[in-house]
Structure formats: structure tokens, C-alpha cells
Amino acid sequence: MTRHALSWFEISVADFDRARTFYSTIFAFDMPEQTFGPVRMGFFLHDREQGGIGGAIVHNPEFYTPSADGAKVYLNGGDDLAVVLDRVPAAGGEVIIPKRAIGEGMGHMGMFRDSEGNVVALHSPN
């Protein structure tokens, strides 16, 4: 059995600059970016040195296509995901599922449609 079910994630984007602005706005940080040949990536902040698991938004029209029907990624919503969800509409997204309790001791979840049409979820302990 592995320690983490997730080792990395990528969220497909059609308009990299728009998506980078969206995620930078809702998480209130300046998303670092890098280009690898035809692939442009924007990285979610995480503590890799301490074993943190990261991911990125990715633009490469030949391989990545945004979709609301793909796998659901649950991003860390911090202590209270309502703070992040509250920023979604002004950043160009849509809240699909407002913050709600998952179950006793399991925290809270919510979902939003990002600026590219992806449906992404958030999780937080409170």
C-alpha cells in the first residue's frame, strides 16, 4: 500500500493566462509558471521538501482538453474552503456545490467550475 493515493495532478486549460489569473485569484497567490517545450504549466504551491503533493494547470492543445466530465480533483481549501469558494465568481468561475459537511470527522467539500470549464472540488477540515 502506498502512503498517498495521489502523487501529482494536472488540470487542463485552454487559455493559460486566464486560468492562471483565475487560480491565482481564488487561492490568493502568484502562481509560478514554467514552459517545457510546447507545454506551459502553472504550479500550485505545496511543500515538496516535507513530502507535500503538488500539481499544475497545463496548456498543450495537442494533449490537454478542459472538461467538466473528467476525473474530479479535490484541491486543499485551507482551514475553511468557504474563503476560496467566495472568490470563485469574481475570478470568472461558478460555484456548483457550496460548502457542505461530508460526514462526521471528514471535513467539508465544495465544487466549482473554473474559467476553463473544468469542474474542480475543494476539501477542508472546517
Protein backbone atom coordinates (compact mmCIF):
# COMPACT_ATOMS: atom_id res chain seq x y z
CA MET A 1 0.00 0.00 0.00
CA THR A 2 1.28 3.50 -0.82
CA ARG A 3 1.26 6.41 1.64
CA HIS A 4 -0.67 8.76 -0.66
CA ALA A 5 -3.27 7.90 -3.29
CA LEU A 6 -2.24 10.99 -5.24
CA SER A 7 1.28 11.77 -6.43
CA TRP A 8 0.63 14.65 -8.85
CA PHE A 9 -2.31 16.19 -10.69
CA GLU A 10 -2.77 18.32 -13.79
CA ILE A 11 -5.76 20.46 -14.70
CA SER A 12 -6.16 21.04 -18.44
CA VAL A 13 -6.59 24.65 -19.57
CA ALA A 14 -7.45 26.21 -22.92
CA ASP A 15 -6.38 29.79 -22.10
CA PHE A 16 -3.32 29.62 -19.84
CA ASP A 17 -3.24 33.29 -18.83
CA ARG A 18 -6.95 33.33 -17.97
CA ALA A 19 -6.65 30.10 -15.94
CA ARG A 20 -3.51 31.29 -14.14
CA THR A 21 -5.29 34.51 -13.18
CA PHE A 22 -8.34 32.52 -12.01
CA TYR A 23 -6.37 30.17 -9.72
CA SER A 24 -4.04 32.93 -8.51
CA THR A 25 -7.13 34.95 -7.56
CA ILE A 26 -9.10 32.28 -5.73
CA PHE A 27 -6.08 30.98 -3.77
CA ALA A 28 -4.60 34.48 -3.27
CA PHE A 29 -1.06 33.70 -4.51
CA ASP A 30 1.01 34.42 -7.60
CA MET A 31 1.07 31.08 -9.43
CA PRO A 32 4.61 30.22 -10.58
CA GLU A 33 4.84 29.11 -14.20
CA GLN A 34 7.27 27.32 -16.47
CA THR A 35 7.37 26.21 -20.09
CA PHE A 36 8.61 22.79 -21.17
CA GLY A 37 8.74 22.74 -24.96
CA PRO A 38 5.10 23.07 -26.12
CA VAL A 39 3.75 22.60 -22.57
CA ARG A 40 3.04 25.62 -20.35
CA MET A 41 2.46 24.87 -16.67
CA GLY A 42 1.37 26.90 -13.64
CA PHE A 43 2.14 25.31 -10.28
CA PHE A 44 0.00 25.10 -7.15
CA LEU A 45 2.02 25.97 -4.05
CA HIS A 46 2.98 23.00 -1.88
CA ASP A 47 5.80 21.98 0.46
CA ARG A 48 7.62 19.38 -1.61
CA GLU A 49 10.54 19.28 0.84
CA GLN A 50 8.18 17.99 3.54
CA GLY A 51 6.50 15.42 1.28
CA GLY A 52 3.71 17.69 0.04
CA ILE A 53 1.90 16.59 -3.12
CA GLY A 54 1.61 19.13 -5.89
CA GLY A 55 0.01 19.74 -9.21
CA ALA A 56 -0.35 22.22 -12.01
CA ILE A 57 -2.57 23.80 -14.60
CA VAL A 58 -1.35 22.68 -18.01
CA HIS A 59 -1.75 24.07 -21.51
CA ASN A 60 -0.90 21.98 -24.55
CA PRO A 61 -3.78 21.83 -27.09
CA GLU A 62 -2.41 18.65 -28.66
CA PHE A 63 -2.74 16.67 -25.42
CA TYR A 64 -4.87 18.54 -22.81
CA THR A 65 -8.55 19.43 -23.18
CA PRO A 66 -10.53 21.02 -20.34
CA SER A 67 -13.65 19.09 -19.36
CA ALA A 68 -16.35 19.05 -16.70
CA ASP A 69 -16.68 15.28 -17.16
CA GLY A 70 -13.15 14.14 -16.33
CA ALA A 71 -11.72 12.92 -13.03
CA LYS A 72 -12.53 15.10 -10.03
CA VAL A 73 -9.57 16.68 -8.30
CA TYR A 74 -10.02 17.84 -4.69
CA LEU A 75 -7.72 20.77 -4.01
CA ASN A 76 -6.79 21.75 -0.47
CA GLY A 77 -9.17 24.55 0.54
CA GLY A 78 -7.12 25.54 3.57
CA ASP A 79 -8.70 25.72 7.03
CA ASP A 80 -12.09 26.79 5.60
CA LEU A 81 -12.82 26.24 1.91
CA ALA A 82 -15.59 28.86 2.03
CA VAL A 83 -12.86 31.52 1.77
CA VAL A 84 -11.71 30.09 -1.57
CA LEU A 85 -15.26 29.41 -2.87
CA ASP A 86 -16.26 33.01 -2.09
CA ARG A 87 -13.59 34.22 -4.57
CA VAL A 88 -14.70 31.95 -7.44
CA PRO A 89 -17.47 34.09 -9.05
CA ALA A 90 -15.41 37.30 -9.13
CA ALA A 91 -12.49 35.36 -10.66
CA GLY A 92 -14.65 34.14 -13.56
CA GLY A 93 -15.84 30.77 -12.26
CA GLU A 94 -19.10 29.37 -10.89
CA VAL A 95 -19.77 27.68 -7.55
CA ILE A 96 -21.58 24.41 -8.28
CA ILE A 97 -21.76 22.93 -4.78
CA PRO A 98 -21.47 25.37 -1.88
CA LYS A 99 -19.52 24.31 1.20
CA ARG A 100 -21.13 21.32 2.89
CA ALA A 101 -20.17 18.77 5.53
CA ILE A 102 -19.07 15.39 4.19
CA GLY A 103 -19.63 13.35 7.32
CA GLU A 104 -18.67 13.17 10.96
CA GLY A 105 -14.96 13.94 11.25
CA MET A 106 -14.42 14.01 7.47
CA GLY A 107 -14.46 17.76 6.94
CA HIS A 108 -16.19 19.77 4.22
CA MET A 109 -16.29 19.87 0.44
CA GLY A 110 -17.47 22.17 -2.33
CA MET A 111 -17.19 22.25 -6.12
CA PHE A 112 -16.73 24.94 -8.72
CA ARG A 113 -16.42 25.30 -12.49
CA ASP A 114 -13.18 27.11 -13.29
CA SER A 115 -12.53 29.67 -16.03
CA GLU A 116 -11.81 26.84 -18.49
CA GLY A 117 -14.93 24.73 -17.84
CA ASN A 118 -13.26 22.14 -15.59
CA VAL A 119 -15.23 21.05 -12.52
CA VAL A 120 -12.86 21.07 -9.55
CA ALA A 121 -13.57 20.26 -5.90
CA LEU A 122 -12.20 21.64 -2.64
CA HIS A 123 -11.75 19.96 0.72
CA SER A 124 -11.12 21.47 4.15
CA PRO A 125 -11.28 20.26 7.75
CA ASN A 126 -13.67 23.10 8.73
